């Protein structure tokens, strides 16, 4: 399932912690080019949409050439494999809807929150079980580096912890 499950988890977590809607007009999307936490949270949401929608141009600029995603079994998925998978899903509204539904179902049974840490040009987004806490149940994480006025994903790890 490549990196999609963690992207779905992250997007739903971001939506769950977003402020409730009010009568005020919606605030603009955070600027993904900033070197801050809001940008990383926005990128995680955008990354999820890009994978489910087959947005290869966005993924191409986000994923560093050396990007690897390590799954529960320890097997690596390369940037090239992730981009090829996104290319295959491009334009399939039925597949996009199915993947979104799968992500929503996963989050119903596996509530997930995000913790963001930034140190210089390195950003880490950790996905964790809110019941057990960020220090006891990290399900996965994405590592980013800030270069050329943008965040680039360089590594992801998914361990399936509960």
N, C-alpha and C. Protein backbone atom coordinates (compact mmCIF):
# COMPACT_ATOMS: atom_id res chain seq x y z
N UNK A 1 0.83 -1.19 0.00
CA UNK A 1 0.00 0.00 0.00
C UNK A 1 0.87 1.24 0.00
N UNK A 2 2.14 1.05 -0.21
CA UNK A 2 3.09 2.15 -0.31
C UNK A 2 2.98 3.07 0.90
N UNK A 3 2.96 4.33 0.66
CA UNK A 3 2.98 5.30 1.74
C UNK A 3 1.58 5.85 1.99
N UNK A 4 0.60 5.39 1.25
CA UNK A 4 -0.75 5.95 1.29
C UNK A 4 -1.38 5.87 2.67
N UNK A 5 -1.25 4.76 3.38
CA UNK A 5 -1.93 4.66 4.66
C UNK A 5 -1.44 5.72 5.64
N UNK A 6 -0.15 5.99 5.68
CA UNK A 6 0.31 7.03 6.60
C UNK A 6 -0.15 8.40 6.15
N UNK A 7 -0.23 8.65 4.86
CA UNK A 7 -0.72 9.92 4.37
C UNK A 7 -2.18 10.10 4.76
N UNK A 8 -2.99 9.04 4.63
CA UNK A 8 -4.39 9.13 5.02
C UNK A 8 -4.51 9.39 6.51
N UNK A 9 -3.69 8.71 7.29
CA UNK A 9 -3.70 8.91 8.73
C UNK A 9 -3.37 10.36 9.04
N UNK A 10 -2.34 10.87 8.42
CA UNK A 10 -1.89 12.23 8.69
C UNK A 10 -2.94 13.26 8.31
N UNK A 11 -3.56 13.09 7.16
CA UNK A 11 -4.56 14.07 6.73
C UNK A 11 -5.75 14.08 7.67
N UNK A 12 -6.21 12.90 8.04
CA UNK A 12 -7.35 12.86 8.95
C UNK A 12 -6.99 13.43 10.31
N UNK A 13 -5.78 13.16 10.76
CA UNK A 13 -5.33 13.72 12.04
C UNK A 13 -5.29 15.24 11.96
N UNK A 14 -4.80 15.76 10.86
CA UNK A 14 -4.74 17.21 10.70
C UNK A 14 -6.14 17.80 10.70
N UNK A 15 -7.08 17.13 10.06
CA UNK A 15 -8.45 17.62 10.04
C UNK A 15 -9.07 17.55 11.43
N UNK A 16 -8.75 16.51 12.18
CA UNK A 16 -9.32 16.33 13.51
C UNK A 16 -8.87 17.42 14.47
N UNK A 17 -7.66 17.93 14.27
CA UNK A 17 -7.18 18.93 15.20
C UNK A 17 -7.36 20.36 14.69
N UNK A 18 -7.92 20.50 13.49
CA UNK A 18 -8.15 21.84 12.94
C UNK A 18 -9.24 22.53 13.76
N UNK A 19 -9.21 23.86 13.83
CA UNK A 19 -10.24 24.57 14.56
C UNK A 19 -11.62 24.37 13.93
N UNK A 20 -12.63 24.43 14.77
CA UNK A 20 -13.99 24.28 14.26
C UNK A 20 -14.35 25.46 13.37
N UNK A 21 -15.22 25.20 12.40
CA UNK A 21 -15.63 26.25 11.47
C UNK A 21 -16.44 27.31 12.22
N UNK A 22 -16.31 28.52 11.79
CA UNK A 22 -17.07 29.61 12.39
C UNK A 22 -17.67 30.46 11.29
N UNK A 23 -18.34 31.53 11.68
CA UNK A 23 -18.98 32.40 10.71
C UNK A 23 -17.95 33.22 9.92
N UNK A 24 -16.76 33.33 10.45
CA UNK A 24 -15.70 34.09 9.77
C UNK A 24 -15.27 33.34 8.50
N UNK A 25 -14.80 34.07 7.50
CA UNK A 25 -14.35 33.40 6.29
C UNK A 25 -13.17 32.48 6.61
N UNK A 26 -13.04 31.39 5.87
CA UNK A 26 -11.94 30.47 6.15
C UNK A 26 -10.59 31.16 5.95
N UNK A 27 -9.65 30.78 6.80
CA UNK A 27 -8.32 31.36 6.66
C UNK A 27 -7.62 30.69 5.49
N UNK A 28 -6.70 31.40 4.85
CA UNK A 28 -6.00 30.81 3.71
C UNK A 28 -5.14 29.64 4.16
N UNK A 29 -4.85 28.75 3.21
CA UNK A 29 -3.97 27.63 3.50
C UNK A 29 -2.62 28.16 3.95
N UNK A 30 -2.00 27.48 4.92
CA UNK A 30 -0.65 27.91 5.32
C UNK A 30 0.31 27.84 4.14
N UNK A 31 1.28 28.71 4.16
CA UNK A 31 2.29 28.78 3.11
C UNK A 31 3.26 27.61 3.29
N UNK A 32 3.26 26.68 2.36
CA UNK A 32 4.10 25.49 2.45
C UNK A 32 5.58 25.80 2.27
N UNK A 33 5.92 27.02 1.86
CA UNK A 33 7.32 27.35 1.67
C UNK A 33 7.97 27.91 2.94
N UNK A 34 7.20 28.11 3.98
CA UNK A 34 7.77 28.64 5.23
C UNK A 34 8.46 27.51 6.00
N UNK A 35 9.45 27.85 6.76
CA UNK A 35 10.19 26.86 7.56
C UNK A 35 9.58 26.76 8.95
N UNK A 36 8.28 26.42 9.01
CA UNK A 36 7.62 26.37 10.32
C UNK A 36 6.66 25.17 10.41
N UNK A 37 6.12 25.00 11.61
CA UNK A 37 5.24 23.87 11.88
C UNK A 37 3.97 23.91 11.03
N UNK A 38 3.39 25.07 10.87
CA UNK A 38 2.16 25.19 10.07
C UNK A 38 2.40 24.70 8.64
N UNK A 39 3.56 25.02 8.10
CA UNK A 39 3.88 24.56 6.74
C UNK A 39 3.97 23.04 6.69
N UNK A 40 4.63 22.43 7.68
CA UNK A 40 4.75 20.97 7.68
C UNK A 40 3.38 20.31 7.83
N UNK A 41 2.53 20.85 8.66
CA UNK A 41 1.18 20.28 8.81
C UNK A 41 0.40 20.41 7.50
N UNK A 42 0.53 21.54 6.82
CA UNK A 42 -0.14 21.73 5.53
C UNK A 42 0.42 20.76 4.49
N UNK A 43 1.71 20.57 4.50
CA UNK A 43 2.34 19.64 3.56
C UNK A 43 1.84 18.23 3.76
N UNK A 44 1.70 17.80 5.00
CA UNK A 44 1.20 16.45 5.27
C UNK A 44 -0.20 16.27 4.68
N UNK A 45 -1.07 17.24 4.86
CA UNK A 45 -2.41 17.18 4.27
C UNK A 45 -2.34 17.15 2.75
N UNK A 46 -1.51 18.03 2.19
CA UNK A 46 -1.39 18.12 0.73
C UNK A 46 -0.79 16.83 0.17
N UNK A 47 0.19 16.27 0.85
CA UNK A 47 0.83 15.02 0.43
C UNK A 47 -0.20 13.91 0.33
N UNK A 48 -1.05 13.82 1.33
CA UNK A 48 -2.09 12.79 1.31
C UNK A 48 -3.00 12.96 0.09
N UNK A 49 -3.47 14.18 -0.13
CA UNK A 49 -4.33 14.43 -1.29
C UNK A 49 -3.59 14.11 -2.58
N UNK A 50 -2.32 14.49 -2.65
CA UNK A 50 -1.53 14.26 -3.86
C UNK A 50 -1.41 12.77 -4.17
N UNK A 51 -1.19 11.96 -3.14
CA UNK A 51 -1.10 10.52 -3.39
C UNK A 51 -2.44 9.95 -3.82
N UNK A 52 -3.51 10.31 -3.13
CA UNK A 52 -4.80 9.73 -3.49
C UNK A 52 -5.32 10.26 -4.82
N UNK A 53 -4.90 11.48 -5.22
CA UNK A 53 -5.37 12.06 -6.48
C UNK A 53 -4.39 11.83 -7.64
N UNK A 54 -3.24 11.25 -7.35
CA UNK A 54 -2.26 11.02 -8.41
C UNK A 54 -1.59 12.30 -8.89
N UNK A 55 -1.36 13.24 -7.98
CA UNK A 55 -0.74 14.52 -8.32
C UNK A 55 0.79 14.36 -8.38
N UNK A 56 1.26 13.83 -9.49
CA UNK A 56 2.68 13.54 -9.67
C UNK A 56 3.54 14.81 -9.61
N UNK A 57 3.13 15.92 -10.22
CA UNK A 57 3.97 17.12 -10.12
C UNK A 57 4.24 17.56 -8.67
N UNK A 58 3.20 17.53 -7.83
CA UNK A 58 3.41 17.91 -6.43
C UNK A 58 4.34 16.93 -5.74
N UNK A 59 4.10 15.65 -5.92
CA UNK A 59 4.94 14.64 -5.28
C UNK A 59 6.38 14.73 -5.77
N UNK A 60 6.57 15.02 -7.03
CA UNK A 60 7.91 15.12 -7.60
C UNK A 60 8.73 16.23 -6.94
N UNK A 61 8.09 17.37 -6.65
CA UNK A 61 8.83 18.46 -6.01
C UNK A 61 8.96 18.23 -4.51
N UNK A 62 8.07 17.47 -3.91
CA UNK A 62 8.11 17.23 -2.46
C UNK A 62 9.16 16.18 -2.09
N UNK A 63 9.19 15.09 -2.83
CA UNK A 63 10.05 13.97 -2.47
C UNK A 63 11.48 14.19 -2.98
N UNK A 64 12.44 14.17 -2.08
CA UNK A 64 13.84 14.30 -2.46
C UNK A 64 14.24 13.09 -3.29
N UNK A 65 15.24 13.23 -4.16
CA UNK A 65 15.65 12.10 -5.00
C UNK A 65 15.99 10.84 -4.19
N UNK A 66 16.53 10.99 -3.00
CA UNK A 66 16.91 9.83 -2.19
C UNK A 66 15.79 9.36 -1.26
N UNK A 67 14.57 9.88 -1.40
CA UNK A 67 13.45 9.53 -0.52
C UNK A 67 13.24 8.02 -0.46
N UNK A 68 12.99 7.54 0.75
CA UNK A 68 12.63 6.15 1.00
C UNK A 68 11.51 6.13 2.03
N UNK A 69 10.58 5.20 1.86
CA UNK A 69 9.52 4.96 2.82
C UNK A 69 9.69 3.52 3.29
N UNK A 70 9.88 3.33 4.59
CA UNK A 70 10.10 2.00 5.14
C UNK A 70 8.82 1.53 5.81
N UNK A 71 8.31 0.38 5.35
CA UNK A 71 7.07 -0.17 5.88
C UNK A 71 7.28 -1.07 7.08
N UNK A 72 6.19 -1.64 7.58
CA UNK A 72 6.21 -2.50 8.77
C UNK A 72 7.16 -3.68 8.63
N UNK A 73 7.33 -4.18 7.42
CA UNK A 73 8.19 -5.35 7.21
C UNK A 73 9.65 -4.98 7.04
N UNK A 74 9.94 -3.69 6.97
CA UNK A 74 11.31 -3.24 6.77
C UNK A 74 11.67 -3.01 5.32
N UNK A 75 10.75 -3.30 4.43
CA UNK A 75 11.00 -3.11 3.00
C UNK A 75 10.87 -1.64 2.63
N UNK A 76 11.78 -1.17 1.78
CA UNK A 76 11.78 0.22 1.35
C UNK A 76 10.98 0.41 0.07
N UNK A 77 10.27 1.53 0.02
CA UNK A 77 9.60 1.97 -1.20
C UNK A 77 10.34 3.23 -1.63
N UNK A 78 10.82 3.25 -2.85
CA UNK A 78 11.60 4.37 -3.34
C UNK A 78 10.70 5.49 -3.87
N UNK A 79 11.30 6.63 -4.08
CA UNK A 79 10.62 7.77 -4.69
C UNK A 79 10.05 7.36 -6.04
N UNK A 80 10.85 6.68 -6.85
CA UNK A 80 10.41 6.27 -8.18
C UNK A 80 9.17 5.37 -8.10
N UNK A 81 9.15 4.45 -7.17
CA UNK A 81 8.00 3.55 -7.02
C UNK A 81 6.76 4.32 -6.57
N UNK A 82 6.94 5.25 -5.65
CA UNK A 82 5.81 6.04 -5.18
C UNK A 82 5.25 6.90 -6.31
N UNK A 83 6.13 7.51 -7.10
CA UNK A 83 5.67 8.34 -8.22
C UNK A 83 4.97 7.48 -9.28
N UNK A 84 5.48 6.29 -9.54
CA UNK A 84 4.84 5.39 -10.51
C UNK A 84 3.44 5.00 -10.03
N UNK A 85 3.32 4.74 -8.74
CA UNK A 85 2.01 4.40 -8.18
C UNK A 85 1.05 5.58 -8.31
N UNK A 86 1.52 6.77 -8.02
CA UNK A 86 0.67 7.96 -8.15
C UNK A 86 0.25 8.17 -9.60
N UNK A 87 1.15 7.93 -10.52
CA UNK A 87 0.83 8.07 -11.95
C UNK A 87 -0.29 7.11 -12.35
N UNK A 88 -0.26 5.90 -11.81
CA UNK A 88 -1.30 4.91 -12.11
C UNK A 88 -2.65 5.32 -11.57
N UNK A 89 -2.68 6.03 -10.45
CA UNK A 89 -3.96 6.40 -9.85
C UNK A 89 -4.50 7.73 -10.38
N UNK A 90 -3.68 8.46 -11.12
CA UNK A 90 -4.10 9.77 -11.64
C UNK A 90 -5.39 9.64 -12.44
N UNK A 91 -6.36 10.48 -12.11
CA UNK A 91 -7.58 10.57 -12.89
C UNK A 91 -8.66 9.55 -12.56
N UNK A 92 -8.43 8.64 -11.65
CA UNK A 92 -9.42 7.63 -11.32
C UNK A 92 -10.23 8.09 -10.11
N UNK A 93 -11.35 8.75 -10.36
CA UNK A 93 -12.19 9.27 -9.27
C UNK A 93 -12.69 8.14 -8.38
N UNK A 94 -13.00 7.01 -8.96
CA UNK A 94 -13.49 5.87 -8.18
C UNK A 94 -12.41 5.37 -7.22
N UNK A 95 -11.21 5.24 -7.71
CA UNK A 95 -10.10 4.79 -6.86
C UNK A 95 -9.80 5.82 -5.77
N UNK A 96 -9.86 7.10 -6.12
CA UNK A 96 -9.61 8.15 -5.14
C UNK A 96 -10.64 8.07 -4.02
N UNK A 97 -11.90 7.92 -4.37
CA UNK A 97 -12.96 7.84 -3.37
C UNK A 97 -12.79 6.60 -2.50
N UNK A 98 -12.40 5.48 -3.09
CA UNK A 98 -12.18 4.24 -2.34
C UNK A 98 -11.04 4.42 -1.34
N UNK A 99 -9.94 5.04 -1.77
CA UNK A 99 -8.81 5.25 -0.87
C UNK A 99 -9.18 6.20 0.27
N UNK A 100 -9.93 7.23 -0.02
CA UNK A 100 -10.35 8.15 1.04
C UNK A 100 -11.24 7.44 2.06
N UNK A 101 -12.13 6.59 1.56
CA UNK A 101 -13.01 5.84 2.46
C UNK A 101 -12.21 4.89 3.33
N UNK A 102 -11.20 4.24 2.76
CA UNK A 102 -10.34 3.35 3.53
C UNK A 102 -9.61 4.13 4.63
N UNK A 103 -9.13 5.31 4.29
CA UNK A 103 -8.43 6.14 5.27
C UNK A 103 -9.35 6.58 6.40
N UNK A 104 -10.58 6.97 6.06
CA UNK A 104 -11.54 7.37 7.07
C UNK A 104 -11.86 6.21 8.00
N UNK A 105 -12.02 5.02 7.44
CA UNK A 105 -12.31 3.84 8.25
C UNK A 105 -11.14 3.52 9.17
N UNK A 106 -9.92 3.61 8.66
CA UNK A 106 -8.75 3.35 9.49
C UNK A 106 -8.73 4.31 10.68
N UNK A 107 -8.99 5.58 10.42
CA UNK A 107 -8.95 6.58 11.50
C UNK A 107 -10.08 6.42 12.50
N UNK A 108 -11.20 5.87 12.07
CA UNK A 108 -12.29 5.60 13.01
C UNK A 108 -11.83 4.58 14.05
N UNK A 109 -11.05 3.62 13.60
CA UNK A 109 -10.61 2.56 14.50
C UNK A 109 -9.21 2.79 15.07
N UNK A 110 -8.47 3.76 14.53
CA UNK A 110 -7.11 4.07 14.98
C UNK A 110 -6.92 5.59 15.06
N UNK A 111 -7.52 6.24 16.05
CA UNK A 111 -7.33 7.70 16.16
C UNK A 111 -5.84 8.03 16.16
N UNK A 112 -5.49 9.09 15.45
CA UNK A 112 -4.09 9.45 15.28
C UNK A 112 -3.92 10.96 15.37
N UNK A 113 -2.85 11.38 16.03
CA UNK A 113 -2.50 12.79 16.09
C UNK A 113 -1.07 12.95 15.59
N UNK A 114 -0.68 14.20 15.36
CA UNK A 114 0.66 14.51 14.88
C UNK A 114 1.42 15.35 15.89
N UNK A 115 2.72 15.08 15.96
CA UNK A 115 3.64 15.93 16.71
C UNK A 115 4.70 16.37 15.71
N UNK A 116 5.05 17.65 15.76
CA UNK A 116 6.03 18.21 14.83
C UNK A 116 7.22 18.74 15.61
N UNK A 117 8.41 18.37 15.16
CA UNK A 117 9.65 18.89 15.75
C UNK A 117 10.49 19.46 14.62
N UNK A 118 11.03 20.65 14.85
CA UNK A 118 11.90 21.28 13.85
C UNK A 118 13.20 21.65 14.55
N UNK A 119 14.30 21.28 13.91
CA UNK A 119 15.62 21.63 14.42
C UNK A 119 16.46 22.08 13.23
N UNK A 120 16.66 23.39 13.13
CA UNK A 120 17.38 23.91 11.97
C UNK A 120 16.63 23.56 10.70
N UNK A 121 17.31 22.98 9.72
CA UNK A 121 16.66 22.65 8.45
C UNK A 121 15.97 21.29 8.44
N UNK A 122 15.88 20.63 9.60
CA UNK A 122 15.27 19.30 9.66
C UNK A 122 13.93 19.38 10.39
N UNK A 123 12.91 18.76 9.79
CA UNK A 123 11.59 18.69 10.41
C UNK A 123 11.16 17.24 10.48
N UNK A 124 10.56 16.86 11.61
CA UNK A 124 10.06 15.49 11.78
C UNK A 124 8.60 15.58 12.18
N UNK A 125 7.76 14.85 11.47
CA UNK A 125 6.35 14.75 11.81
C UNK A 125 6.12 13.32 12.28
N UNK A 126 5.68 13.17 13.53
CA UNK A 126 5.41 11.85 14.10
C UNK A 126 3.90 11.66 14.22
N UNK A 127 3.44 10.47 13.89
CA UNK A 127 2.01 10.13 13.96
C UNK A 127 1.84 9.17 15.12
N UNK A 128 0.94 9.50 16.05
CA UNK A 128 0.86 8.69 17.26
C UNK A 128 -0.58 8.48 17.72
N UNK A 129 -0.73 7.46 18.56
CA UNK A 129 -2.00 7.12 19.18
C UNK A 129 -2.22 8.11 20.33
N UNK A 130 -3.25 8.96 20.26
CA UNK A 130 -3.43 9.97 21.30
C UNK A 130 -3.76 9.39 22.67
N UNK A 131 -4.31 8.21 22.72
CA UNK A 131 -4.62 7.58 24.01
C UNK A 131 -3.35 7.21 24.76
N UNK A 132 -2.35 6.73 24.04
CA UNK A 132 -1.10 6.30 24.67
C UNK A 132 -0.07 7.42 24.71
N UNK A 133 -0.18 8.41 23.83
CA UNK A 133 0.72 9.55 23.85
C UNK A 133 1.92 9.41 22.93
N UNK A 134 2.49 10.56 22.61
CA UNK A 134 3.57 10.63 21.64
C UNK A 134 4.83 9.91 22.11
N UNK A 135 5.03 9.75 23.40
CA UNK A 135 6.22 9.07 23.89
C UNK A 135 6.04 7.56 24.04
N UNK A 136 4.84 7.05 23.73
CA UNK A 136 4.58 5.63 23.95
C UNK A 136 4.01 4.89 22.76
N UNK A 137 3.62 5.61 21.73
CA UNK A 137 2.97 4.91 20.62
C UNK A 137 3.10 5.66 19.30
N UNK A 138 4.32 5.87 18.84
CA UNK A 138 4.52 6.50 17.54
C UNK A 138 4.34 5.43 16.46
N UNK A 139 3.37 5.65 15.59
CA UNK A 139 3.05 4.70 14.53
C UNK A 139 3.94 4.88 13.30
N UNK A 140 4.46 6.06 13.16
CA UNK A 140 5.29 6.34 12.00
C UNK A 140 5.77 7.78 12.04
N UNK A 141 6.66 8.09 11.13
CA UNK A 141 7.15 9.46 11.07
C UNK A 141 7.67 9.77 9.67
N UNK A 142 7.68 11.05 9.36
CA UNK A 142 8.22 11.56 8.11
C UNK A 142 9.33 12.54 8.48
N UNK A 143 10.43 12.46 7.76
CA UNK A 143 11.56 13.36 7.98
C UNK A 143 11.69 14.26 6.76
N UNK A 144 11.81 15.55 7.02
CA UNK A 144 11.91 16.56 5.98
C UNK A 144 13.19 17.35 6.15
N UNK A 145 13.68 17.89 5.04
CA UNK A 145 14.80 18.84 5.08
C UNK A 145 14.35 20.09 4.33
N UNK A 146 14.72 21.25 4.89
CA UNK A 146 14.34 22.53 4.28
C UNK A 146 15.49 23.00 3.42
N UNK A 147 15.28 23.00 2.10
CA UNK A 147 16.29 23.42 1.12
C UNK A 147 15.62 24.23 0.03
N UNK A 148 16.32 25.23 -0.45
CA UNK A 148 15.85 26.04 -1.58
C UNK A 148 14.43 26.56 -1.32
N UNK A 149 14.19 27.04 -0.11
CA UNK A 149 12.90 27.64 0.30
C UNK A 149 11.72 26.69 0.25
N UNK A 150 11.98 25.38 0.43
CA UNK A 150 10.90 24.39 0.45
C UNK A 150 11.29 23.24 1.36
N UNK A 151 10.28 22.58 1.90
CA UNK A 151 10.48 21.32 2.62
C UNK A 151 10.49 20.19 1.61
N UNK A 152 11.40 19.25 1.80
CA UNK A 152 11.49 18.06 0.95
C UNK A 152 11.49 16.83 1.86
N UNK A 153 10.62 15.87 1.56
CA UNK A 153 10.58 14.63 2.33
C UNK A 153 11.78 13.78 1.93
N UNK A 154 12.49 13.27 2.94
CA UNK A 154 13.65 12.44 2.64
C UNK A 154 13.50 11.02 3.17
N UNK A 155 12.62 10.82 4.15
CA UNK A 155 12.53 9.50 4.76
C UNK A 155 11.21 9.37 5.50
N UNK A 156 10.61 8.19 5.43
CA UNK A 156 9.40 7.88 6.20
C UNK A 156 9.56 6.51 6.80
N UNK A 157 9.00 6.33 7.98
CA UNK A 157 9.03 5.04 8.65
C UNK A 157 7.64 4.76 9.19
N UNK A 158 7.15 3.55 8.92
CA UNK A 158 5.81 3.13 9.38
C UNK A 158 5.97 1.82 10.12
N UNK A 159 5.65 1.82 11.41
CA UNK A 159 5.86 0.61 12.19
C UNK A 159 4.59 -0.08 12.67
N UNK A 160 3.46 0.58 12.56
CA UNK A 160 2.20 -0.05 12.94
C UNK A 160 1.96 -0.15 14.44
N UNK A 161 2.70 0.59 15.24
CA UNK A 161 2.52 0.55 16.69
C UNK A 161 1.11 0.99 17.07
N UNK A 162 0.61 0.44 18.12
CA UNK A 162 -0.69 0.86 18.65
C UNK A 162 -0.47 1.53 19.96
